Amino acid sequence: MEARLADEARYAEWLALWTDDAVYWVPATTDPEADPEKHLSHIYDNRARLETRVKLLQTGHRYSQEPPSHMRRLISNIEVAKAEEDEL
């Protein structure tokens, strides 16, 4: 659902999925031991910064998104665990 909301530019709904202590980190390194406080990152945002990004996108004046970026998402490592009768 998270990817679908982002793909469909339903950013307010996408943001509602995030907790207040969320961290959105896109490291600029392949080092699995990288520390976002010490290493360069493409994005290292907290919930407040994500809210700012969404507000800016909703203004329609994000020239870096005119035209909108083409996105390709890969969703992997999905595991399905045994569920009870009333669970999905």
PDB file of N, CA and C in Angstrom:
ATOM      1  N   MET A   1       0.812  -1.187   0.000  1.00  0.00           N
ATOM      2  CA  MET A   1       0.000   0.000   0.000  1.00  0.00           C
ATOM      3  C   MET A   1       0.869   1.270   0.000  1.00  0.00           C
ATOM      4  N   GLU A   2       1.952   1.248   0.752  1.00  0.00           N
ATOM      5  CA  GLU A   2       2.824   2.426   0.834  1.00  0.00           C
ATOM      6  C   GLU A   2       3.323   2.830  -0.547  1.00  0.00           C
ATOM      7  N   ALA A   3       3.776   1.865  -1.324  1.00  0.00           N
ATOM      8  CA  ALA A   3       4.288   2.159  -2.662  1.00  0.00           C
ATOM      9  C   ALA A   3       3.174   2.666  -3.577  1.00  0.00           C
ATOM     10  N   ARG A   4       1.990   2.080  -3.478  1.00  0.00           N
ATOM     11  CA  ARG A   4       0.873   2.507  -4.320  1.00  0.00           C
ATOM     12  C   ARG A   4       0.503   3.962  -4.032  1.00  0.00           C
ATOM     13  N   LEU A   5       0.426   4.315  -2.760  1.00  0.00           N
ATOM     14  CA  LEU A   5       0.085   5.697  -2.407  1.00  0.00           C
ATOM     15  C   LEU A   5       1.114   6.673  -2.966  1.00  0.00           C
ATOM     16  N   ALA A   6       2.381   6.342  -2.858  1.00  0.00           N
ATOM     17  CA  ALA A   6       3.430   7.212  -3.402  1.00  0.00           C
ATOM     18  C   ALA A   6       3.338   7.283  -4.922  1.00  0.00           C
ATOM     19  N   ASP A   7       3.129   6.144  -5.570  1.00  0.00           N
ATOM     20  CA  ASP A   7       3.032   6.118  -7.031  1.00  0.00           C
ATOM     21  C   ASP A   7       1.862   6.950  -7.544  1.00  0.00           C
ATOM     22  N   GLU A   8       0.775   6.960  -6.783  1.00  0.00           N
ATOM     23  CA  GLU A   8      -0.425   7.688  -7.194  1.00  0.00           C
ATOM     24  C   GLU A   8      -0.437   9.126  -6.671  1.00  0.00           C
ATOM     25  N   ALA A   9       0.681   9.587  -6.134  1.00  0.00           N
ATOM     26  CA  ALA A   9       0.831  10.951  -5.603  1.00  0.00           C
ATOM     27  C   ALA A   9      -0.196  11.255  -4.517  1.00  0.00           C
ATOM     28  N   ARG A  10      -0.558  10.249  -3.750  1.00  0.00           N
ATOM     29  CA  ARG A  10      -1.477  10.415  -2.620  1.00  0.00           C
ATOM     30  C   ARG A  10      -0.619  10.606  -1.366  1.00  0.00           C
ATOM     31  N   TYR A  11       0.096  11.726  -1.374  1.00  0.00           N
ATOM     32  CA  TYR A  11       1.146  11.939  -0.382  1.00  0.00           C
ATOM     33  C   TYR A  11       0.630  12.135   1.036  1.00  0.00           C
ATOM     34  N   ALA A  12      -0.515  12.761   1.221  1.00  0.00           N
ATOM     35  CA  ALA A  12      -1.054  12.928   2.575  1.00  0.00           C
ATOM     36  C   ALA A  12      -1.382  11.562   3.175  1.00  0.00           C
ATOM     37  N   GLU A  13      -1.961  10.674   2.374  1.00  0.00           N
ATOM     38  CA  GLU A  13      -2.256   9.318   2.845  1.00  0.00           C
ATOM     39  C   GLU A  13      -0.966   8.544   3.092  1.00  0.00           C
ATOM     40  N   TRP A  14       0.010   8.725   2.210  1.00  0.00           N
ATOM     41  CA  TRP A  14       1.315   8.080   2.373  1.00  0.00           C
ATOM     42  C   TRP A  14       1.950   8.524   3.683  1.00  0.00           C
ATOM     43  N   LEU A  15       1.912   9.822   3.958  1.00  0.00           N
ATOM     44  CA  LEU A  15       2.505  10.362   5.174  1.00  0.00           C
ATOM     45  C   LEU A  15       1.800   9.837   6.420  1.00  0.00           C
ATOM     46  N   ALA A  16       0.507   9.614   6.334  1.00  0.00           N
ATOM     47  CA  ALA A  16      -0.255   9.113   7.490  1.00  0.00           C
ATOM     48  C   ALA A  16       0.206   7.723   7.928  1.00  0.00           C
ATOM     49  N   LEU A  17       0.898   7.001   7.067  1.00  0.00           N
ATOM     50  CA  LEU A  17       1.411   5.677   7.424  1.00  0.00           C
ATOM     51  C   LEU A  17       2.636   5.757   8.332  1.00  0.00           C
ATOM     52  N   TRP A  18       3.281   6.908   8.387  1.00  0.00           N
ATOM     53  CA  TRP A  18       4.532   7.072   9.133  1.00  0.00           C
ATOM     54  C   TRP A  18       4.258   7.430  10.585  1.00  0.00           C
ATOM     55  N   THR A  19       5.035   6.850  11.491  1.00  0.00           N
ATOM     56  CA  THR A  19       4.934   7.185  12.908  1.00  0.00           C
ATOM     57  C   THR A  19       5.711   8.469  13.190  1.00  0.00           C
ATOM     58  N   ASP A  20       5.466   9.054  14.350  1.00  0.00           N
ATOM     59  CA  ASP A  20       6.141  10.304  14.709  1.00  0.00           C
ATOM     60  C   ASP A  20       7.647  10.137  14.845  1.00  0.00           C
ATOM     61  N   ASP A  21       8.108   8.934  15.171  1.00  0.00           N
ATOM     62  CA  ASP A  21       9.547   8.703  15.338  1.00  0.00           C
ATOM     63  C   ASP A  21      10.194   8.101  14.086  1.00  0.00           C
ATOM     64  N   ALA A  22       9.491   8.201  12.961  1.00  0.00           N
ATOM     65  CA  ALA A  22       9.984   7.616  11.708  1.00  0.00           C
ATOM     66  C   ALA A  22      11.261   8.294  11.223  1.00  0.00           C
ATOM     67  N   VAL A  23      12.087   7.509  10.550  1.00  0.00           N
ATOM     68  CA  VAL A  23      13.289   8.017   9.884  1.00  0.00           C
ATOM     69  C   VAL A  23      13.271   7.478   8.462  1.00  0.00           C
ATOM     70  N   TYR A  24      13.393   8.368   7.494  1.00  0.00           N
ATOM     71  CA  TYR A  24      13.443   7.995   6.080  1.00  0.00           C
ATOM     72  C   TYR A  24      14.873   8.228   5.629  1.00  0.00           C
ATOM     73  N   TRP A  25      15.597   7.139   5.401  1.00  0.00           N
ATOM     74  CA  TRP A  25      17.025   7.231   5.129  1.00  0.00           C
ATOM     75  C   TRP A  25      17.356   6.557   3.811  1.00  0.00           C
ATOM     76  N   VAL A  26      17.989   7.292   2.921  1.00  0.00           N
ATOM     77  CA  VAL A  26      18.506   6.757   1.662  1.00  0.00           C
ATOM     78  C   VAL A  26      20.011   7.002   1.689  1.00  0.00           C
ATOM     79  N   PRO A  27      20.775   5.983   2.093  1.00  0.00           N
ATOM     80  CA  PRO A  27      22.229   6.174   2.203  1.00  0.00           C
ATOM     81  C   PRO A  27      22.876   6.363   0.842  1.00  0.00           C
ATOM     82  N   ALA A  28      23.986   7.062   0.831  1.00  0.00           N
ATOM     83  CA  ALA A  28      24.748   7.284  -0.401  1.00  0.00           C
ATOM     84  C   ALA A  28      25.940   6.343  -0.467  1.00  0.00           C
ATOM     85  N   THR A  29      25.909   5.315   0.335  1.00  0.00           N
ATOM     86  CA  THR A  29      26.996   4.345   0.381  1.00  0.00           C
ATOM     87  C   THR A  29      26.424   2.933   0.365  1.00  0.00           C
ATOM     88  N   THR A  30      27.218   1.986  -0.036  1.00  0.00           N
ATOM     89  CA  THR A  30      26.790   0.588   0.000  1.00  0.00           C
ATOM     90  C   THR A  30      27.254  -0.106   1.271  1.00  0.00           C
ATOM     91  N   ASP A  31      27.902   0.635   2.147  1.00  0.00           N
ATOM     92  CA  ASP A  31      28.407   0.082   3.402  1.00  0.00           C
ATOM     93  C   ASP A  31      27.238  -0.227   4.339  1.00  0.00           C
ATOM     94  N   PRO A  32      27.008  -1.499   4.656  1.00  0.00           N
ATOM     95  CA  PRO A  32      25.884  -1.844   5.535  1.00  0.00           C
ATOM     96  C   PRO A  32      26.062  -1.342   6.969  1.00  0.00           C
ATOM     97  N   GLU A  33      27.274  -0.962   7.321  1.00  0.00           N
ATOM     98  CA  GLU A  33      27.551  -0.446   8.666  1.00  0.00           C
ATOM     99  C   GLU A  33      27.502   1.083   8.718  1.00  0.00           C
ATOM    100  N   ALA A  34      27.096   1.707   7.636  1.00  0.00           N
ATOM    101  CA  ALA A  34      27.087   3.171   7.563  1.00  0.00           C
ATOM    102  C   ALA A  34      26.184   3.762   8.642  1.00  0.00           C
ATOM    103  N   ASP A  35      26.589   4.885   9.147  1.00  0.00           N
ATOM    104  CA  ASP A  35      25.840   5.616  10.166  1.00  0.00           C
ATOM    105  C   ASP A  35      25.361   6.917   9.526  1.00  0.00           C
ATOM    106  N   PRO A  36      24.048   7.152   9.474  1.00  0.00           N
ATOM    107  CA  PRO A  36      23.559   8.365   8.815  1.00  0.00           C
ATOM    108  C   PRO A  36      24.039   9.651   9.476  1.00  0.00           C
ATOM    109  N   GLU A  37      24.469   9.565  10.715  1.00  0.00           N
ATOM    110  CA  GLU A  37      24.999  10.746  11.403  1.00  0.00           C
ATOM    111  C   GLU A  37      26.436  11.048  10.993  1.00  0.00           C
ATOM    112  N   LYS A  38      27.113  10.054  10.391  1.00  0.00           N
ATOM    113  CA  LYS A  38      28.528  10.219  10.054  1.00  0.00           C
ATOM    114  C   LYS A  38      28.834  10.081   8.568  1.00  0.00           C
ATOM    115  N   HIS A  39      27.894   9.557   7.786  1.00  0.00           N
ATOM    116  CA  HIS A  39      28.135   9.306   6.368  1.00  0.00           C
ATOM    117  C   HIS A  39      27.151  10.101   5.513  1.00  0.00           C
ATOM    118  N   LEU A  40      27.557  10.396   4.307  1.00  0.00           N
ATOM    119  CA  LEU A  40      26.718  11.120   3.363  1.00  0.00           C
ATOM    120  C   LEU A  40      25.460  10.315   3.043  1.00  0.00           C
ATOM    121  N   SER A  41      24.337  10.998   2.960  1.00  0.00           N
ATOM    122  CA  SER A  41      23.063  10.368   2.622  1.00  0.00           C
ATOM    123  C   SER A  41      22.394  11.156   1.507  1.00  0.00           C
ATOM    124  N   HIS A  42      21.650  10.454   0.663  1.00  0.00           N
ATOM    125  CA  HIS A  42      20.809  11.148  -0.317  1.00  0.00           C
ATOM    126  C   HIS A  42      19.657  11.825   0.427  1.00  0.00           C
ATOM    127  N   ILE A  43      19.062  11.072   1.352  1.00  0.00           N
ATOM    128  CA  ILE A  43      17.971  11.588   2.184  1.00  0.00           C
ATOM    129  C   ILE A  43      18.155  11.028   3.588  1.00  0.00           C
ATOM    130  N   TYR A  44      17.974  11.873   4.573  1.00  0.00           N
ATOM    131  CA  TYR A  44      17.967  11.446   5.970  1.00  0.00           C
ATOM    132  C   TYR A  44      16.987  12.366   6.684  1.00  0.00           C
ATOM    133  N   ASP A  45      15.709  12.000   6.634  1.00  0.00           N
ATOM    134  CA  ASP A  45      14.635  12.861   7.121  1.00  0.00           C
ATOM    135  C   ASP A  45      13.909  12.238   8.308  1.00  0.00           C
ATOM    136  N   ASN A  46      13.368  13.113   9.150  1.00  0.00           N
ATOM    137  CA  ASN A  46      12.471  12.674  10.204  1.00  0.00           C
ATOM    138  C   ASN A  46      11.036  12.974   9.761  1.00  0.00           C
ATOM    139  N   ARG A  47      10.078  12.708  10.616  1.00  0.00           N
ATOM    140  CA  ARG A  47       8.671  12.899  10.260  1.00  0.00           C
ATOM    141  C   ARG A  47       8.385  14.360   9.890  1.00  0.00           C
ATOM    142  N   ALA A  48       8.925  15.300  10.638  1.00  0.00           N
ATOM    143  CA  ALA A  48       8.676  16.720  10.351  1.00  0.00           C
ATOM    144  C   ALA A  48       9.194  17.101   8.966  1.00  0.00           C
ATOM    145  N   ARG A  49      10.351  16.607   8.599  1.00  0.00           N
ATOM    146  CA  ARG A  49      10.913  16.915   7.273  1.00  0.00           C
ATOM    147  C   ARG A  49      10.087  16.252   6.175  1.00  0.00           C
ATOM    148  N   LEU A  50       9.572  15.051   6.432  1.00  0.00           N
ATOM    149  CA  LEU A  50       8.690  14.403   5.457  1.00  0.00           C
ATOM    150  C   LEU A  50       7.425  15.234   5.254  1.00  0.00           C
ATOM    151  N   GLU A  51       6.880  15.777   6.339  1.00  0.00           N
ATOM    152  CA  GLU A  51       5.698  16.636   6.226  1.00  0.00           C
ATOM    153  C   GLU A  51       6.002  17.859   5.361  1.00  0.00           C
ATOM    154  N   THR A  52       7.171  18.445   5.547  1.00  0.00           N
ATOM    155  CA  THR A  52       7.572  19.599   4.734  1.00  0.00           C
ATOM    156  C   THR A  52       7.671  19.208   3.266  1.00  0.00           C
ATOM    157  N   ARG A  53       8.274  18.070   2.979  1.00  0.00           N
ATOM    158  CA  ARG A  53       8.381  17.612   1.585  1.00  0.00           C
ATOM    159  C   ARG A  53       7.004  17.434   0.960  1.00  0.00           C
ATOM    160  N   VAL A  54       6.079  16.827   1.705  1.00  0.00           N
ATOM    161  CA  VAL A  54       4.726  16.608   1.190  1.00  0.00           C
ATOM    162  C   VAL A  54       4.036  17.946   0.932  1.00  0.00           C
ATOM    163  N   LYS A  55       4.142  18.882   1.857  1.00  0.00           N
ATOM    164  CA  LYS A  55       3.528  20.200   1.661  1.00  0.00           C
ATOM    165  C   LYS A  55       4.079  20.880   0.412  1.00  0.00           C
ATOM    166  N   LEU A  56       5.374  20.789   0.205  1.00  0.00           N
ATOM    167  CA  LEU A  56       5.980  21.390  -0.985  1.00  0.00           C
ATOM    168  C   LEU A  56       5.490  20.713  -2.261  1.00  0.00           C
ATOM    169  N   LEU A  57       5.365  19.394  -2.238  1.00  0.00           N
ATOM    170  CA  LEU A  57       4.851  18.682  -3.411  1.00  0.00           C
ATOM    171  C   LEU A  57       3.416  19.099  -3.714  1.00  0.00           C
ATOM    172  N   GLN A  58       2.628  19.353  -2.688  1.00  0.00           N
ATOM    173  CA  GLN A  58       1.220  19.695  -2.875  1.00  0.00           C
ATOM    174  C   GLN A  58       1.011  21.119  -3.383  1.00  0.00           C
ATOM    175  N   THR A  59       2.033  21.958  -3.327  1.00  0.00           N
ATOM    176  CA  THR A  59       1.884  23.326  -3.838  1.00  0.00           C
ATOM    177  C   THR A  59       1.809  23.361  -5.357  1.00  0.00           C
ATOM    178  N   GLY A  60       2.355  22.335  -6.006  1.00  0.00           N
ATOM    179  CA  GLY A  60       2.407  22.335  -7.455  1.00  0.00           C
ATOM    180  C   GLY A  60       3.560  23.150  -8.010  1.00  0.00           C
ATOM    181  N   HIS A  61       4.402  23.675  -7.139  1.00  0.00           N
ATOM    182  CA  HIS A  61       5.526  24.517  -7.553  1.00  0.00           C
ATOM    183  C   HIS A  61       6.868  23.852  -7.305  1.00  0.00           C
ATOM    184  N   ARG A  62       6.907  22.556  -7.358  1.00  0.00           N
ATOM    185  CA  ARG A  62       8.169  21.829  -7.211  1.00  0.00           C
ATOM    186  C   ARG A  62       8.735  21.633  -8.613  1.00  0.00           C
ATOM    187  N   TYR A  63       9.542  22.573  -9.046  1.00  0.00           N
ATOM    188  CA  TYR A  63      10.024  22.552 -10.420  1.00  0.00           C
ATOM    189  C   TYR A  63      10.888  21.335 -10.708  1.00  0.00           C
ATOM    190  N   SER A  64      11.475  20.755  -9.675  1.00  0.00           N
ATOM    191  CA  SER A  64      12.244  19.524  -9.891  1.00  0.00           C
ATOM    192  C   SER A  64      11.325  18.365 -10.258  1.00  0.00           C
ATOM    193  N   GLN A  65      10.022  18.547 -10.070  1.00  0.00           N
ATOM    194  CA  GLN A  65       9.050  17.509 -10.407  1.00  0.00           C
ATOM    195  C   GLN A  65       8.142  17.934 -11.561  1.00  0.00           C
ATOM    196  N   GLU A  66       8.626  18.806 -12.411  1.00  0.00           N
ATOM    197  CA  GLU A  66       7.893  19.220 -13.609  1.00  0.00           C
ATOM    198  C   GLU A  66       8.715  18.883 -14.827  1.00  0.00           C
ATOM    199  N   PRO A  67       8.414  17.865 -15.543  1.00  0.00           N
ATOM    200  CA  PRO A  67       7.372  16.870 -15.300  1.00  0.00           C
ATOM    201  C   PRO A  67       7.754  15.943 -14.148  1.00  0.00           C
ATOM    202  N   PRO A  68       6.769  15.221 -13.617  1.00  0.00           N
ATOM    203  CA  PRO A  68       7.056  14.316 -12.498  1.00  0.00           C
ATOM    204  C   PRO A  68       8.096  13.265 -12.873  1.00  0.00           C
ATOM    205  N   SER A  69       8.898  12.915 -11.905  1.00  0.00           N
ATOM    206  CA  SER A  69       9.910  11.875 -12.117  1.00  0.00           C
ATOM    207  C   SER A  69       9.236  10.549 -12.444  1.00  0.00           C
ATOM    208  N   HIS A  70       9.872   9.782 -13.304  1.00  0.00           N
ATOM    209  CA  HIS A  70       9.410   8.424 -13.561  1.00  0.00           C
ATOM    210  C   HIS A  70       9.907   7.558 -12.422  1.00  0.00           C
ATOM    211  N   MET A  71       9.025   6.756 -11.877  1.00  0.00           N
ATOM    212  CA  MET A  71       9.382   5.929 -10.729  1.00  0.00           C
ATOM    213  C   MET A  71       9.336   4.454 -11.102  1.00  0.00           C
ATOM    214  N   ARG A  72      10.205   3.729 -10.494  1.00  0.00           N
ATOM    215  CA  ARG A  72      10.164   2.270 -10.589  1.00  0.00           C
ATOM    216  C   ARG A  72      10.453   1.757  -9.192  1.00  0.00           C
ATOM    217  N   ARG A  73       9.531   0.992  -8.655  1.00  0.00           N
ATOM    218  CA  ARG A  73       9.701   0.464  -7.305  1.00  0.00           C
ATOM    219  C   ARG A  73       9.846  -1.047  -7.367  1.00  0.00           C
ATOM    220  N   LEU A  74      10.750  -1.541  -6.594  1.00  0.00           N
ATOM    221  CA  LEU A  74      10.939  -2.975  -6.453  1.00  0.00           C
ATOM    222  C   LEU A  74      10.591  -3.338  -5.021  1.00  0.00           C
ATOM    223  N   ILE A  75       9.598  -4.152  -4.872  1.00  0.00           N
ATOM    224  CA  ILE A  75       9.186  -4.586  -3.543  1.00  0.00           C
ATOM    225  C   ILE A  75       9.598  -6.044  -3.424  1.00  0.00           C
ATOM    226  N   SER A  76      10.483  -6.310  -2.482  1.00  0.00           N
ATOM    227  CA  SER A  76      11.028  -7.664  -2.375  1.00  0.00           C
ATOM    228  C   SER A  76      11.131  -8.088  -0.919  1.00  0.00           C
ATOM    229  N   ASN A  77      11.605  -9.305  -0.741  1.00  0.00           N
ATOM    230  CA  ASN A  77      11.765  -9.887   0.597  1.00  0.00           C
ATOM    231  C   ASN A  77      10.449  -9.934   1.361  1.00  0.00           C
ATOM    232  N   ILE A  78       9.381 -10.208   0.643  1.00  0.00           N
ATOM    233  CA  ILE A  78       8.068 -10.310   1.272  1.00  0.00           C
ATOM    234  C   ILE A  78       7.923 -11.717   1.825  1.00  0.00           C
ATOM    235  N   GLU A  79       7.508 -11.812   3.061  1.00  0.00           N
ATOM    236  CA  GLU A  79       7.281 -13.104   3.695  1.00  0.00           C
ATOM    237  C   GLU A  79       5.824 -13.194   4.109  1.00  0.00           C
ATOM    238  N   VAL A  80       5.232 -14.340   3.882  1.00  0.00           N
ATOM    239  CA  VAL A  80       3.865 -14.581   4.317  1.00  0.00           C
ATOM    240  C   VAL A  80       3.930 -15.604   5.435  1.00  0.00           C
ATOM    241  N   ALA A  81       3.455 -15.199   6.587  1.00  0.00           N
ATOM    242  CA  ALA A  81       3.435 -16.097   7.734  1.00  0.00           C
ATOM    243  C   ALA A  81       2.038 -16.687   7.864  1.00  0.00           C
ATOM    244  N   LYS A  82       1.971 -17.816   8.491  1.00  0.00           N
ATOM    245  CA  LYS A  82       0.680 -18.453   8.704  1.00  0.00           C
ATOM    246  C   LYS A  82      -0.214 -17.505   9.491  1.00  0.00           C
ATOM    247  N   ALA A  83      -1.436 -17.346   9.025  1.00  0.00           N
ATOM    248  CA  ALA A  83      -2.380 -16.443   9.669  1.00  0.00           C
ATOM    249  C   ALA A  83      -3.522 -17.239  10.290  1.00  0.00           C
ATOM    250  N   GLU A  84      -4.170 -16.630  11.241  1.00  0.00           N
ATOM    251  CA  GLU A  84      -5.366 -17.223  11.836  1.00  0.00           C
ATOM    252  C   GLU A  84      -6.519 -17.038  10.860  1.00  0.00           C
ATOM    253  N   GLU A  85      -7.636 -17.677  11.136  1.00  0.00           N
ATOM    254  CA  GLU A  85      -8.779 -17.624  10.218  1.00  0.00           C
ATOM    255  C   GLU A  85      -9.263 -16.207   9.942  1.00  0.00           C
ATOM    256  N   ASP A  86      -9.230 -15.345  10.940  1.00  0.00           N
ATOM    257  CA  ASP A  86      -9.766 -13.997  10.777  1.00  0.00           C
ATOM    258  C   ASP A  86      -8.709 -12.977  10.377  1.00  0.00           C
ATOM    259  N   GLU A  87      -7.539 -13.428   9.977  1.00  0.00           N
ATOM    260  CA  GLU A  87      -6.452 -12.536   9.588  1.00  0.00           C
ATOM    261  C   GLU A  87      -6.127 -12.700   8.115  1.00  0.00           C
ATOM    262  N   LEU A  88      -5.588 -11.641   7.557  1.00  0.00           N
ATOM    263  CA  LEU A  88      -5.111 -11.711   6.173  1.00  0.00           C
ATOM    264  C   LEU A  88      -3.688 -12.176   6.161  1.00  0.00           C
TER     265      LEU A  88
END
